[in-house]
PDB file of N, CA and C in Angstrom:
ATOM      1  N   LEU A   1      -4.865   5.541   6.606  1.00  0.00           N
ATOM      2  CA  LEU A   1      -3.680   5.113   5.894  1.00  0.00           C
ATOM      3  C   LEU A   1      -2.420   5.207   6.750  1.00  0.00           C
ATOM      4  N   TYR A   2      -2.477   5.992   7.809  1.00  0.00           N
ATOM      5  CA  TYR A   2      -1.307   6.130   8.686  1.00  0.00           C
ATOM      6  C   TYR A   2      -0.897   4.767   9.239  1.00  0.00           C
ATOM      7  N   LYS A   3      -1.885   3.992   9.715  1.00  0.00           N
ATOM      8  CA  LYS A   3      -1.573   2.674  10.259  1.00  0.00           C
ATOM      9  C   LYS A   3      -0.984   1.772   9.188  1.00  0.00           C
ATOM     10  N   LEU A   4      -1.541   1.836   7.991  1.00  0.00           N
ATOM     11  CA  LEU A   4      -1.026   1.015   6.908  1.00  0.00           C
ATOM     12  C   LEU A   4       0.400   1.433   6.565  1.00  0.00           C
ATOM     13  N   ASP A   5       0.671   2.714   6.602  1.00  0.00           N
ATOM     14  CA  ASP A   5       2.038   3.187   6.336  1.00  0.00           C
ATOM     15  C   ASP A   5       3.013   2.646   7.373  1.00  0.00           C
ATOM     16  N   GLU A   6       2.605   2.626   8.631  1.00  0.00           N
ATOM     17  CA  GLU A   6       3.468   2.060   9.686  1.00  0.00           C
ATOM     18  C   GLU A   6       3.702   0.571   9.449  1.00  0.00           C
ATOM     19  N   PHE A   7       2.641  -0.131   9.075  1.00  0.00           N
ATOM     20  CA  PHE A   7       2.761  -1.567   8.802  1.00  0.00           C
ATOM     21  C   PHE A   7       3.699  -1.804   7.621  1.00  0.00           C
ATOM     22  N   LYS A   8       3.532  -1.031   6.563  1.00  0.00           N
ATOM     23  CA  LYS A   8       4.400  -1.170   5.382  1.00  0.00           C
ATOM     24  C   LYS A   8       5.863  -0.952   5.747  1.00  0.00           C
ATOM     25  N   GLN A   9       6.113  -0.015   6.647  1.00  0.00           N
ATOM     26  CA  GLN A   9       7.488   0.234   7.055  1.00  0.00           C
ATOM     27  C   GLN A   9       8.061  -0.968   7.793  1.00  0.00           C
ATOM     28  N   LEU A  10       7.237  -1.642   8.608  1.00  0.00           N
ATOM     29  CA  LEU A  10       7.685  -2.871   9.254  1.00  0.00           C
ATOM     30  C   LEU A  10       8.064  -3.921   8.212  1.00  0.00           C
ATOM     31  N   VAL A  11       7.225  -4.072   7.211  1.00  0.00           N
ATOM     32  CA  VAL A  11       7.496  -5.050   6.151  1.00  0.00           C
ATOM     33  C   VAL A  11       8.823  -4.724   5.475  1.00  0.00           C
ATOM     34  N   LYS A  12       9.030  -3.470   5.134  1.00  0.00           N
ATOM     35  CA  LYS A  12      10.279  -3.060   4.478  1.00  0.00           C
ATOM     36  C   LYS A  12      11.489  -3.312   5.363  1.00  0.00           C
ATOM     37  N   ASP A  13      11.353  -2.988   6.645  1.00  0.00           N
ATOM     38  CA  ASP A  13      12.495  -3.063   7.556  1.00  0.00           C
ATOM     39  C   ASP A  13      12.830  -4.480   8.020  1.00  0.00           C
ATOM     40  N   PHE A  14      11.854  -5.385   8.006  1.00  0.00           N
ATOM     41  CA  PHE A  14      12.081  -6.693   8.611  1.00  0.00           C
ATOM     42  C   PHE A  14      11.758  -7.875   7.700  1.00  0.00           C
ATOM     43  N   SER A  15      11.593  -7.642   6.423  1.00  0.00           N
ATOM     44  CA  SER A  15      11.269  -8.752   5.515  1.00  0.00           C
ATOM     45  C   SER A  15      12.401  -9.769   5.415  1.00  0.00           C
ATOM     46  N   ASP A  16      13.593  -9.387   5.869  1.00  0.00           N
ATOM     47  CA  ASP A  16      14.713 -10.334   5.852  1.00  0.00           C
ATOM     48  C   ASP A  16      14.649 -11.326   7.023  1.00  0.00           C
ATOM     49  N   VAL A  17      13.864 -11.028   8.056  1.00  0.00           N
ATOM     50  CA  VAL A  17      13.770 -11.926   9.218  1.00  0.00           C
ATOM     51  C   VAL A  17      12.351 -12.411   9.502  1.00  0.00           C
ATOM     52  N   ALA A  18      11.370 -11.864   8.787  1.00  0.00           N
ATOM     53  CA  ALA A  18       9.983 -12.229   9.071  1.00  0.00           C
ATOM     54  C   ALA A  18       9.169 -12.273   7.787  1.00  0.00           C
ATOM     55  N   ASP A  19       8.194 -13.170   7.767  1.00  0.00           N
ATOM     56  CA  ASP A  19       7.199 -13.207   6.705  1.00  0.00           C
ATOM     57  C   ASP A  19       5.966 -12.486   7.231  1.00  0.00           C
ATOM     58  N   PHE A  20       5.398 -11.639   6.426  1.00  0.00           N
ATOM     59  CA  PHE A  20       4.239 -10.854   6.840  1.00  0.00           C
ATOM     60  C   PHE A  20       2.999 -11.339   6.104  1.00  0.00           C
ATOM     61  N   LEU A  21       1.872 -11.246   6.781  1.00  0.00           N
ATOM     62  CA  LEU A  21       0.601 -11.688   6.237  1.00  0.00           C
ATOM     63  C   LEU A  21      -0.497 -10.833   6.845  1.00  0.00           C
ATOM     64  N   VAL A  22      -1.443 -10.402   6.024  1.00  0.00           N
ATOM     65  CA  VAL A  22      -2.626  -9.699   6.510  1.00  0.00           C
ATOM     66  C   VAL A  22      -3.800 -10.654   6.347  1.00  0.00           C
ATOM     67  N   VAL A  23      -4.573 -10.816   7.419  1.00  0.00           N
ATOM     68  CA  VAL A  23      -5.803 -11.602   7.348  1.00  0.00           C
ATOM     69  C   VAL A  23      -6.953 -10.607   7.392  1.00  0.00           C
ATOM     70  N   TYR A  24      -7.683 -10.532   6.287  1.00  0.00           N
ATOM     71  CA  TYR A  24      -8.832  -9.626   6.233  1.00  0.00           C
ATOM     72  C   TYR A  24      -9.994 -10.294   6.943  1.00  0.00           C
ATOM     73  N   LEU A  25     -10.541  -9.609   7.953  1.00  0.00           N
ATOM     74  CA  LEU A  25     -11.613 -10.148   8.787  1.00  0.00           C
ATOM     75  C   LEU A  25     -12.941  -9.504   8.420  1.00  0.00           C
ATOM     76  N   ALA A  26     -13.936  -9.761   9.213  1.00  0.00           N
ATOM     77  CA  ALA A  26     -15.223  -9.092   9.042  1.00  0.00           C
ATOM     78  C   ALA A  26     -15.009  -7.585   9.119  1.00  0.00           C
ATOM     79  N   GLU A  27     -15.755  -6.828   8.346  1.00  0.00           N
ATOM     80  CA  GLU A  27     -15.610  -5.373   8.336  1.00  0.00           C
ATOM     81  C   GLU A  27     -16.071  -4.805   9.677  1.00  0.00           C
ATOM     82  N   ALA A  28     -15.164  -4.167  10.385  1.00  0.00           N
ATOM     83  CA  ALA A  28     -15.453  -3.667  11.729  1.00  0.00           C
ATOM     84  C   ALA A  28     -16.327  -2.420  11.717  1.00  0.00           C
ATOM     85  N   HIS A  29     -16.228  -1.637  10.665  1.00  0.00           N
ATOM     86  CA  HIS A  29     -16.954  -0.369  10.611  1.00  0.00           C
ATOM     87  C   HIS A  29     -17.793  -0.277   9.344  1.00  0.00           C
ATOM     88  N   ALA A  30     -18.611  -1.288   9.164  1.00  0.00           N
ATOM     89  CA  ALA A  30     -19.452  -1.334   7.969  1.00  0.00           C
ATOM     90  C   ALA A  30     -20.396  -0.142   7.931  1.00  0.00           C
ATOM     91  N   THR A  31     -20.617   0.371   6.724  1.00  0.00           N
ATOM     92  CA  THR A  31     -21.457   1.558   6.577  1.00  0.00           C
ATOM     93  C   THR A  31     -22.919   1.272   6.895  1.00  0.00           C
ATOM     94  N   ASP A  32     -23.327   0.007   6.846  1.00  0.00           N
ATOM     95  CA  ASP A  32     -24.709  -0.322   7.199  1.00  0.00           C
ATOM     96  C   ASP A  32     -24.799  -0.871   8.621  1.00  0.00           C
ATOM     97  N   ALA A  33     -23.754  -0.639   9.407  1.00  0.00           N
ATOM     98  CA  ALA A  33     -23.750  -1.061  10.806  1.00  0.00           C
ATOM     99  C   ALA A  33     -23.153   0.077  11.632  1.00  0.00           C
ATOM    100  N   TRP A  34     -21.946  -0.092  12.158  1.00  0.00           N
ATOM    101  CA  TRP A  34     -21.304   0.904  13.012  1.00  0.00           C
ATOM    102  C   TRP A  34     -20.167   1.526  12.227  1.00  0.00           C
ATOM    103  N   ALA A  35     -20.369   2.726  11.704  1.00  0.00           N
ATOM    104  CA  ALA A  35     -19.377   3.333  10.807  1.00  0.00           C
ATOM    105  C   ALA A  35     -18.882   4.675  11.326  1.00  0.00           C
ATOM    106  N   PHE A  36     -17.695   5.047  10.886  1.00  0.00           N
ATOM    107  CA  PHE A  36     -17.132   6.365  11.137  1.00  0.00           C
ATOM    108  C   PHE A  36     -17.468   7.265   9.958  1.00  0.00           C
ATOM    109  N   ALA A  37     -17.456   8.564  10.188  1.00  0.00           N
ATOM    110  CA  ALA A  37     -17.586   9.510   9.084  1.00  0.00           C
ATOM    111  C   ALA A  37     -16.352   9.358   8.193  1.00  0.00           C
ATOM    112  N   ASN A  38     -16.507   9.574   6.913  1.00  0.00           N
ATOM    113  CA  ASN A  38     -15.418   9.479   5.935  1.00  0.00           C
ATOM    114  C   ASN A  38     -14.815   8.076   5.866  1.00  0.00           C
ATOM    115  N   ASN A  39     -15.585   7.076   6.225  1.00  0.00           N
ATOM    116  CA  ASN A  39     -15.115   5.699   6.183  1.00  0.00           C
ATOM    117  C   ASN A  39     -15.239   5.161   4.762  1.00  0.00           C
ATOM    118  N   VAL A  40     -14.481   4.126   4.445  1.00  0.00           N
ATOM    119  CA  VAL A  40     -14.628   3.450   3.166  1.00  0.00           C
ATOM    120  C   VAL A  40     -16.021   2.851   3.123  1.00  0.00           C
ATOM    121  N   ASP A  41     -16.688   2.921   2.000  1.00  0.00           N
ATOM    122  CA  ASP A  41     -18.070   2.442   1.890  1.00  0.00           C
ATOM    123  C   ASP A  41     -18.088   0.930   1.704  1.00  0.00           C
ATOM    124  N   ILE A  42     -18.098   0.195   2.831  1.00  0.00           N
ATOM    125  CA  ILE A  42     -18.148  -1.259   2.808  1.00  0.00           C
ATOM    126  C   ILE A  42     -19.263  -1.700   3.743  1.00  0.00           C
ATOM    127  N   SER A  43     -20.180  -2.510   3.245  1.00  0.00           N
ATOM    128  CA  SER A  43     -21.291  -3.020   4.041  1.00  0.00           C
ATOM    129  C   SER A  43     -20.881  -4.293   4.768  1.00  0.00           C
ATOM    130  N   VAL A  44     -21.720  -4.718   5.718  1.00  0.00           N
ATOM    131  CA  VAL A  44     -21.498  -5.995   6.386  1.00  0.00           C
ATOM    132  C   VAL A  44     -21.467  -7.087   5.323  1.00  0.00           C
ATOM    133  N   HIS A  45     -20.477  -7.955   5.380  1.00  0.00           N
ATOM    134  CA  HIS A  45     -20.331  -9.014   4.389  1.00  0.00           C
ATOM    135  C   HIS A  45     -21.381 -10.095   4.637  1.00  0.00           C
ATOM    136  N   LYS A  46     -22.171 -10.363   3.621  1.00  0.00           N
ATOM    137  CA  LYS A  46     -23.162 -11.433   3.718  1.00  0.00           C
ATOM    138  C   LYS A  46     -22.683 -12.702   3.025  1.00  0.00           C
ATOM    139  N   THR A  47     -21.708 -12.552   2.138  1.00  0.00           N
ATOM    140  CA  THR A  47     -21.168 -13.701   1.404  1.00  0.00           C
ATOM    141  C   THR A  47     -19.649 -13.601   1.352  1.00  0.00           C
ATOM    142  N   LEU A  48     -19.023 -14.724   1.050  1.00  0.00           N
ATOM    143  CA  LEU A  48     -17.571 -14.724   0.893  1.00  0.00           C
ATOM    144  C   LEU A  48     -17.165 -13.824  -0.263  1.00  0.00           C
ATOM    145  N   GLU A  49     -17.961 -13.781  -1.304  1.00  0.00           N
ATOM    146  CA  GLU A  49     -17.646 -12.922  -2.454  1.00  0.00           C
ATOM    147  C   GLU A  49     -17.600 -11.452  -2.030  1.00  0.00           C
ATOM    148  N   GLU A  50     -18.522 -11.041  -1.150  1.00  0.00           N
ATOM    149  CA  GLU A  50     -18.513  -9.657  -0.667  1.00  0.00           C
ATOM    150  C   GLU A  50     -17.269  -9.392   0.183  1.00  0.00           C
ATOM    151  N   ARG A  51     -16.879 -10.360   0.989  1.00  0.00           N
ATOM    152  CA  ARG A  51     -15.678 -10.184   1.806  1.00  0.00           C
ATOM    153  C   ARG A  51     -14.438 -10.113   0.926  1.00  0.00           C
ATOM    154  N   LEU A  52     -14.382 -10.933  -0.111  1.00  0.00           N
ATOM    155  CA  LEU A  52     -13.252 -10.886  -1.041  1.00  0.00           C
ATOM    156  C   LEU A  52     -13.182  -9.538  -1.752  1.00  0.00           C
ATOM    157  N   ALA A  53     -14.337  -9.027  -2.160  1.00  0.00           N
ATOM    158  CA  ALA A  53     -14.366  -7.723  -2.826  1.00  0.00           C
ATOM    159  C   ALA A  53     -13.867  -6.628  -1.879  1.00  0.00           C
ATOM    160  N   ALA A  54     -14.255  -6.692  -0.615  1.00  0.00           N
ATOM    161  CA  ALA A  54     -13.795  -5.711   0.364  1.00  0.00           C
ATOM    162  C   ALA A  54     -12.285  -5.835   0.581  1.00  0.00           C
ATOM    163  N   ALA A  55     -11.789  -7.046   0.622  1.00  0.00           N
ATOM    164  CA  ALA A  55     -10.350  -7.260   0.806  1.00  0.00           C
ATOM    165  C   ALA A  55      -9.557  -6.684  -0.364  1.00  0.00           C
ATOM    166  N   ARG A  56     -10.134  -6.703  -1.545  1.00  0.00           N
ATOM    167  CA  ARG A  56      -9.449  -6.134  -2.711  1.00  0.00           C
ATOM    168  C   ARG A  56      -9.200  -4.638  -2.531  1.00  0.00           C
ATOM    169  N   THR A  57     -10.066  -3.973  -1.763  1.00  0.00           N
ATOM    170  CA  THR A  57      -9.861  -2.555  -1.457  1.00  0.00           C
ATOM    171  C   THR A  57      -8.549  -2.376  -0.710  1.00  0.00           C
ATOM    172  N   LEU A  58      -8.273  -3.271   0.220  1.00  0.00           N
ATOM    173  CA  LEU A  58      -7.005  -3.231   0.956  1.00  0.00           C
ATOM    174  C   LEU A  58      -5.841  -3.582   0.039  1.00  0.00           C
ATOM    175  N   VAL A  59      -6.008  -4.584  -0.788  1.00  0.00           N
ATOM    176  CA  VAL A  59      -4.938  -5.005  -1.701  1.00  0.00           C
ATOM    177  C   VAL A  59      -4.526  -3.851  -2.608  1.00  0.00           C
ATOM    178  N   LYS A  60      -5.480  -3.025  -3.013  1.00  0.00           N
ATOM    179  CA  LYS A  60      -5.173  -1.869  -3.864  1.00  0.00           C
ATOM    180  C   LYS A  60      -4.237  -0.880  -3.178  1.00  0.00           C
ATOM    181  N   GLU A  61      -4.231  -0.895  -1.846  1.00  0.00           N
ATOM    182  CA  GLU A  61      -3.337  -0.012  -1.083  1.00  0.00           C
ATOM    183  C   GLU A  61      -1.929  -0.598  -0.969  1.00  0.00           C
ATOM    184  N   ASP A  62      -1.708  -1.777  -1.544  1.00  0.00           N
ATOM    185  CA  ASP A  62      -0.402  -2.440  -1.598  1.00  0.00           C
ATOM    186  C   ASP A  62       0.259  -2.582  -0.230  1.00  0.00           C
ATOM    187  N   PRO A  63      -0.253  -3.501   0.606  1.00  0.00           N
ATOM    188  CA  PRO A  63       0.324  -3.679   1.940  1.00  0.00           C
ATOM    189  C   PRO A  63       1.710  -4.327   1.949  1.00  0.00           C
ATOM    190  N   LEU A  64       2.255  -4.657   0.789  1.00  0.00           N
ATOM    191  CA  LEU A  64       3.606  -5.211   0.632  1.00  0.00           C
ATOM    192  C   LEU A  64       3.738  -6.650   1.133  1.00  0.00           C
ATOM    193  N   CYS A  65       2.620  -7.315   1.345  1.00  0.00           N
ATOM    194  CA  CYS A  65       2.635  -8.710   1.773  1.00  0.00           C
ATOM    195  C   CYS A  65       1.329  -9.361   1.310  1.00  0.00           C
ATOM    196  N   PRO A  66       1.268 -10.685   1.383  1.00  0.00           N
ATOM    197  CA  PRO A  66       0.027 -11.354   0.989  1.00  0.00           C
ATOM    198  C   PRO A  66      -1.155 -10.952   1.886  1.00  0.00           C
ATOM    199  N   VAL A  67      -2.330 -10.946   1.291  1.00  0.00           N
ATOM    200  CA  VAL A  67      -3.574 -10.708   2.027  1.00  0.00           C
ATOM    201  C   VAL A  67      -4.452 -11.937   1.828  1.00  0.00           C
ATOM    202  N   VAL A  68      -4.884 -12.522   2.931  1.00  0.00           N
ATOM    203  CA  VAL A  68      -5.814 -13.649   2.882  1.00  0.00           C
ATOM    204  C   VAL A  68      -7.103 -13.219   3.571  1.00  0.00           C
ATOM    205  N   VAL A  69      -8.149 -13.989   3.382  1.00  0.00           N
ATOM    206  CA  VAL A  69      -9.463 -13.606   3.878  1.00  0.00           C
ATOM    207  C   VAL A  69      -9.987 -14.661   4.843  1.00  0.00           C
ATOM    208  N   ASP A  70     -10.493 -14.201   5.983  1.00  0.00           N
ATOM    209  CA  ASP A  70     -11.084 -15.097   6.968  1.00  0.00           C
ATOM    210  C   ASP A  70     -12.346 -15.737   6.400  1.00  0.00           C
ATOM    211  N   GLU A  71     -12.658 -16.931   6.878  1.00  0.00           N
ATOM    212  CA  GLU A  71     -13.882 -17.614   6.467  1.00  0.00           C
ATOM    213  C   GLU A  71     -15.099 -16.841   6.985  1.00  0.00           C
ATOM    214  N   MET A  72     -16.261 -17.099   6.414  1.00  0.00           N
ATOM    215  CA  MET A  72     -17.476 -16.419   6.842  1.00  0.00           C
ATOM    216  C   MET A  72     -17.875 -16.815   8.264  1.00  0.00           C
ATOM    217  N   THR A  73     -17.343 -17.895   8.773  1.00  0.00           N
ATOM    218  CA  THR A  73     -17.569 -18.271  10.172  1.00  0.00           C
ATOM    219  C   THR A  73     -16.745 -17.414  11.121  1.00  0.00           C
ATOM    220  N   ASN A  74     -15.830 -16.622  10.567  1.00  0.00           N
ATOM    221  CA  ASN A  74     -14.939 -15.736  11.337  1.00  0.00           C
ATOM    222  C   ASN A  74     -14.042 -16.519  12.297  1.00  0.00           C
ATOM    223  N   ILE A  75     -13.631 -17.700  11.873  1.00  0.00           N
ATOM    224  CA  ILE A  75     -12.834 -18.580  12.718  1.00  0.00           C
ATOM    225  C   ILE A  75     -11.505 -17.945  13.120  1.00  0.00           C
ATOM    226  N   THR A  76     -10.844 -17.262  12.211  1.00  0.00           N
ATOM    227  CA  THR A  76      -9.557 -16.644  12.533  1.00  0.00           C
ATOM    228  C   THR A  76      -9.740 -15.504  13.527  1.00  0.00           C
ATOM    229  N   ALA A  77     -10.708 -14.651  13.263  1.00  0.00           N
ATOM    230  CA  ALA A  77     -10.979 -13.541  14.186  1.00  0.00           C
ATOM    231  C   ALA A  77     -11.311 -14.076  15.577  1.00  0.00           C
ATOM    232  N   SER A  78     -12.060 -15.161  15.625  1.00  0.00           N
ATOM    233  CA  SER A  78     -12.444 -15.762  16.899  1.00  0.00           C
ATOM    234  C   SER A  78     -11.247 -16.380  17.620  1.00  0.00           C
ATOM    235  N   LYS A  79     -10.468 -17.167  16.918  1.00  0.00           N
ATOM    236  CA  LYS A  79      -9.322 -17.864  17.530  1.00  0.00           C
ATOM    237  C   LYS A  79      -8.245 -16.896  18.012  1.00  0.00           C
ATOM    238  N   TYR A  80      -8.063 -15.800  17.272  1.00  0.00           N
ATOM    239  CA  TYR A  80      -7.008 -14.852  17.620  1.00  0.00           C
ATOM    240  C   TYR A  80      -7.526 -13.610  18.349  1.00  0.00           C
ATOM    241  N   GLY A  81      -8.823 -13.539  18.595  1.00  0.00           N
ATOM    242  CA  GLY A  81      -9.365 -12.360  19.272  1.00  0.00           C
ATOM    243  C   GLY A  81      -9.003 -11.091  18.544  1.00  0.00           C
ATOM    244  N   ALA A  82      -9.173 -11.115  17.227  1.00  0.00           N
ATOM    245  CA  ALA A  82      -8.563 -10.083  16.389  1.00  0.00           C
ATOM    246  C   ALA A  82      -9.506  -8.997  15.890  1.00  0.00           C
ATOM    247  N   LEU A  83     -10.774  -9.019  16.238  1.00  0.00           N
ATOM    248  CA  LEU A  83     -11.646  -7.959  15.736  1.00  0.00           C
ATOM    249  C   LEU A  83     -11.495  -6.708  16.590  1.00  0.00           C
ATOM    250  N   PRO A  84     -11.343  -5.515  16.042  1.00  0.00           N
ATOM    251  CA  PRO A  84     -11.309  -5.271  14.616  1.00  0.00           C
ATOM    252  C   PRO A  84      -9.931  -5.478  13.990  1.00  0.00           C
ATOM    253  N   GLU A  85      -8.881  -5.419  14.808  1.00  0.00           N
ATOM    254  CA  GLU A  85      -7.539  -5.631  14.269  1.00  0.00           C
ATOM    255  C   GLU A  85      -6.591  -5.955  15.411  1.00  0.00           C
ATOM    256  N   ARG A  86      -5.543  -6.700  15.071  1.00  0.00           N
ATOM    257  CA  ARG A  86      -4.567  -7.075  16.089  1.00  0.00           C
ATOM    258  C   ARG A  86      -3.288  -7.515  15.402  1.00  0.00           C
ATOM    259  N   LEU A  87      -2.161  -7.210  16.007  1.00  0.00           N
ATOM    260  CA  LEU A  87      -0.863  -7.606  15.468  1.00  0.00           C
ATOM    261  C   LEU A  87      -0.316  -8.791  16.262  1.00  0.00           C
ATOM    262  N   TYR A  88       0.252  -9.738  15.535  1.00  0.00           N
ATOM    263  CA  TYR A  88       0.872 -10.909  16.140  1.00  0.00           C
ATOM    264  C   TYR A  88       2.244 -11.135  15.532  1.00  0.00           C
ATOM    265  N   VAL A  89       3.134 -11.720  16.324  1.00  0.00           N
ATOM    266  CA  VAL A  89       4.373 -12.289  15.814  1.00  0.00           C
ATOM    267  C   VAL A  89       4.316 -13.755  16.209  1.00  0.00           C
ATOM    268  N   ILE A  90       4.379 -14.617  15.202  1.00  0.00           N
ATOM    269  CA  ILE A  90       4.319 -16.060  15.428  1.00  0.00           C
ATOM    270  C   ILE A  90       5.648 -16.648  14.969  1.00  0.00           C
ATOM    271  N   GLN A  91       6.275 -17.399  15.850  1.00  0.00           N
ATOM    272  CA  GLN A  91       7.569 -17.990  15.532  1.00  0.00           C
ATOM    273  C   GLN A  91       7.487 -19.492  15.780  1.00  0.00           C
ATOM    274  N   SER A  92       7.836 -20.256  14.756  1.00  0.00           N
ATOM    275  CA  SER A  92       7.817 -21.722  14.836  1.00  0.00           C
ATOM    276  C   SER A  92       6.471 -22.249  15.327  1.00  0.00           C
ATOM    277  N   GLY A  93       5.391 -21.626  14.862  1.00  0.00           N
ATOM    278  CA  GLY A  93       4.051 -22.084  15.199  1.00  0.00           C
ATOM    279  C   GLY A  93       3.542 -21.634  16.558  1.00  0.00           C
ATOM    280  N   ASN A  94       4.321 -20.863  17.272  1.00  0.00           N
ATOM    281  CA  ASN A  94       3.912 -20.384  18.594  1.00  0.00           C
ATOM    282  C   ASN A  94       3.779 -18.866  18.596  1.00  0.00           C
ATOM    283  N   VAL A  95       2.786 -18.369  19.348  1.00  0.00           N
ATOM    284  CA  VAL A  95       2.608 -16.921  19.473  1.00  0.00           C
ATOM    285  C   VAL A  95       3.755 -16.372  20.314  1.00  0.00           C
ATOM    286  N   PHE A  96       4.574 -15.549  19.690  1.00  0.00           N
ATOM    287  CA  PHE A  96       5.737 -14.936  20.315  1.00  0.00           C
ATOM    288  C   PHE A  96       5.357 -13.559  20.881  1.00  0.00           C
ATOM    289  N   TYR A  97       4.437 -12.897  20.199  1.00  0.00           N
ATOM    290  CA  TYR A  97       3.944 -11.582  20.618  1.00  0.00           C
ATOM    291  C   TYR A  97       2.484 -11.473  20.217  1.00  0.00           C
ATOM    292  N   GLN A  98       1.647 -11.001  21.149  1.00  0.00           N
ATOM    293  CA  GLN A  98       0.242 -10.713  20.867  1.00  0.00           C
ATOM    294  C   GLN A  98      -0.005  -9.270  21.231  1.00  0.00           C
ATOM    295  N   GLY A  99      -0.332  -8.474  20.238  1.00  0.00           N
ATOM    296  CA  GLY A  99      -0.598  -7.070  20.486  1.00  0.00           C
ATOM    297  C   GLY A  99      -1.973  -6.858  21.082  1.00  0.00           C
ATOM    298  N   GLY A 100      -2.213  -5.626  21.481  1.00  0.00           N
ATOM    299  CA  GLY A 100      -3.522  -5.272  22.009  1.00  0.00           C
ATOM    300  C   GLY A 100      -4.557  -5.219  20.898  1.00  0.00           C
ATOM    301  N   ILE A 101      -5.808  -5.219  21.301  1.00  0.00           N
ATOM    302  CA  ILE A 101      -6.904  -5.150  20.330  1.00  0.00           C
ATOM    303  C   ILE A 101      -7.003  -3.723  19.806  1.00  0.00           C
ATOM    304  N   GLY A 102      -7.061  -3.598  18.482  1.00  0.00           N
ATOM    305  CA  GLY A 102      -7.165  -2.293  17.858  1.00  0.00           C
ATOM    306  C   GLY A 102      -8.567  -1.730  17.964  1.00  0.00           C
ATOM    307  N   PRO A 103      -8.692  -0.484  17.681  1.00  0.00           N
ATOM    308  CA  PRO A 103      -7.643   0.362  17.137  1.00  0.00           C
ATOM    309  C   PRO A 103      -6.684   0.897  18.207  1.00  0.00           C
ATOM    310  N   TRP A 104      -7.114   0.972  19.466  1.00  0.00           N
ATOM    311  CA  TRP A 104      -6.265   1.603  20.473  1.00  0.00           C
ATOM    312  C   TRP A 104      -5.061   0.748  20.830  1.00  0.00           C
ATOM    313  N   GLY A 105      -5.201  -0.567  20.783  1.00  0.00           N
ATOM    314  CA  GLY A 105      -4.095  -1.446  21.128  1.00  0.00           C
ATOM    315  C   GLY A 105      -3.198  -1.811  19.961  1.00  0.00           C
ATOM    316  N   TYR A 106      -3.505  -1.272  18.781  1.00  0.00           N
ATOM    317  CA  TYR A 106      -2.719  -1.542  17.575  1.00  0.00           C
ATOM    318  C   TYR A 106      -1.449  -0.715  17.650  1.00  0.00           C
ATOM    319  N   ASN A 107      -0.301  -1.395  17.848  1.00  0.00           N
ATOM    320  CA  ASN A 107       0.935  -0.659  18.083  1.00  0.00           C
ATOM    321  C   ASN A 107       2.094  -1.277  17.295  1.00  0.00           C
ATOM    322  N   PRO A 108       2.291  -0.829  16.062  1.00  0.00           N
ATOM    323  CA  PRO A 108       3.397  -1.349  15.257  1.00  0.00           C
ATOM    324  C   PRO A 108       4.768  -1.144  15.905  1.00  0.00           C
ATOM    325  N   GLU A 109       4.919  -0.133  16.752  1.00  0.00           N
ATOM    326  CA  GLU A 109       6.215   0.094  17.402  1.00  0.00           C
ATOM    327  C   GLU A 109       6.566  -1.053  18.343  1.00  0.00           C
ATOM    328  N   GLU A 110       5.573  -1.647  18.986  1.00  0.00           N
ATOM    329  CA  GLU A 110       5.837  -2.815  19.830  1.00  0.00           C
ATOM    330  C   GLU A 110       6.334  -3.979  18.974  1.00  0.00           C
ATOM    331  N   VAL A 111       5.719  -4.166  17.816  1.00  0.00           N
ATOM    332  CA  VAL A 111       6.152  -5.226  16.905  1.00  0.00           C
ATOM    333  C   VAL A 111       7.582  -4.951  16.447  1.00  0.00           C
ATOM    334  N   ARG A 112       7.885  -3.709  16.171  1.00  0.00           N
ATOM    335  CA  ARG A 112       9.245  -3.322  15.759  1.00  0.00           C
ATOM    336  C   ARG A 112      10.261  -3.758  16.824  1.00  0.00           C
ATOM    337  N   LYS A 113       9.971  -3.490  18.085  1.00  0.00           N
ATOM    338  CA  LYS A 113      10.885  -3.851  19.174  1.00  0.00           C
ATOM    339  C   LYS A 113      11.079  -5.366  19.253  1.00  0.00           C
ATOM    340  N   VAL A 114       9.996  -6.120  19.068  1.00  0.00           N
ATOM    341  CA  VAL A 114      10.078  -7.578  19.097  1.00  0.00           C
ATOM    342  C   VAL A 114      10.938  -8.079  17.943  1.00  0.00           C
ATOM    343  N   LEU A 115      10.696  -7.546  16.750  1.00  0.00           N
ATOM    344  CA  LEU A 115      11.441  -7.985  15.573  1.00  0.00           C
ATOM    345  C   LEU A 115      12.909  -7.558  15.639  1.00  0.00           C
ATOM    346  N   GLU A 116      13.194  -6.439  16.251  1.00  0.00           N
ATOM    347  CA  GLU A 116      14.591  -6.015  16.415  1.00  0.00           C
ATOM    348  C   GLU A 116      15.355  -7.010  17.274  1.00  0.00           C
ATOM    349  N   LYS A 117      14.700  -7.589  18.275  1.00  0.00           N
ATOM    350  CA  LYS A 117      15.338  -8.598  19.127  1.00  0.00           C
ATOM    351  C   LYS A 117      15.636  -9.867  18.341  1.00  0.00           C
ATOM    352  N   ILE A 118      14.745 -10.219  17.421  1.00  0.00           N
ATOM    353  CA  ILE A 118      14.945 -11.407  16.591  1.00  0.00           C
ATOM    354  C   ILE A 118      16.055 -11.171  15.583  1.00  0.00           C
ATOM    355  N   LYS A 119      16.108  -9.966  15.056  1.00  0.00           N
ATOM    356  CA  LYS A 119      17.077  -9.614  14.016  1.00  0.00           C
ATOM    357  C   LYS A 119      18.456  -9.676  14.588  1.00  0.00           C
TER     358      LYS A 119
END
């Protein structure tokens, strides 16, 4: 939840200059695949309905912005190199900032610096 709290703070601080969106991708740490201890109990998605149900778990945490779901072909994750997670700033249809691949490259503070320049 720490990462989500950092993301929520970005939304609060910069919603006047940026629109935020979460794209829910394939579950990176599915309990029936590669999981961490104390992880949320989510299995590998076999159907879009399962992915939607998993995304609802995130929605319950109120990320303060819309949440959309990647197709089962994982086209968004593939195009953006986003598995398991990645932050982007897109301005006028162009990638303005591409963060590192998470979890280690997930850095909301870098996004904050980029958005402060825009603000």
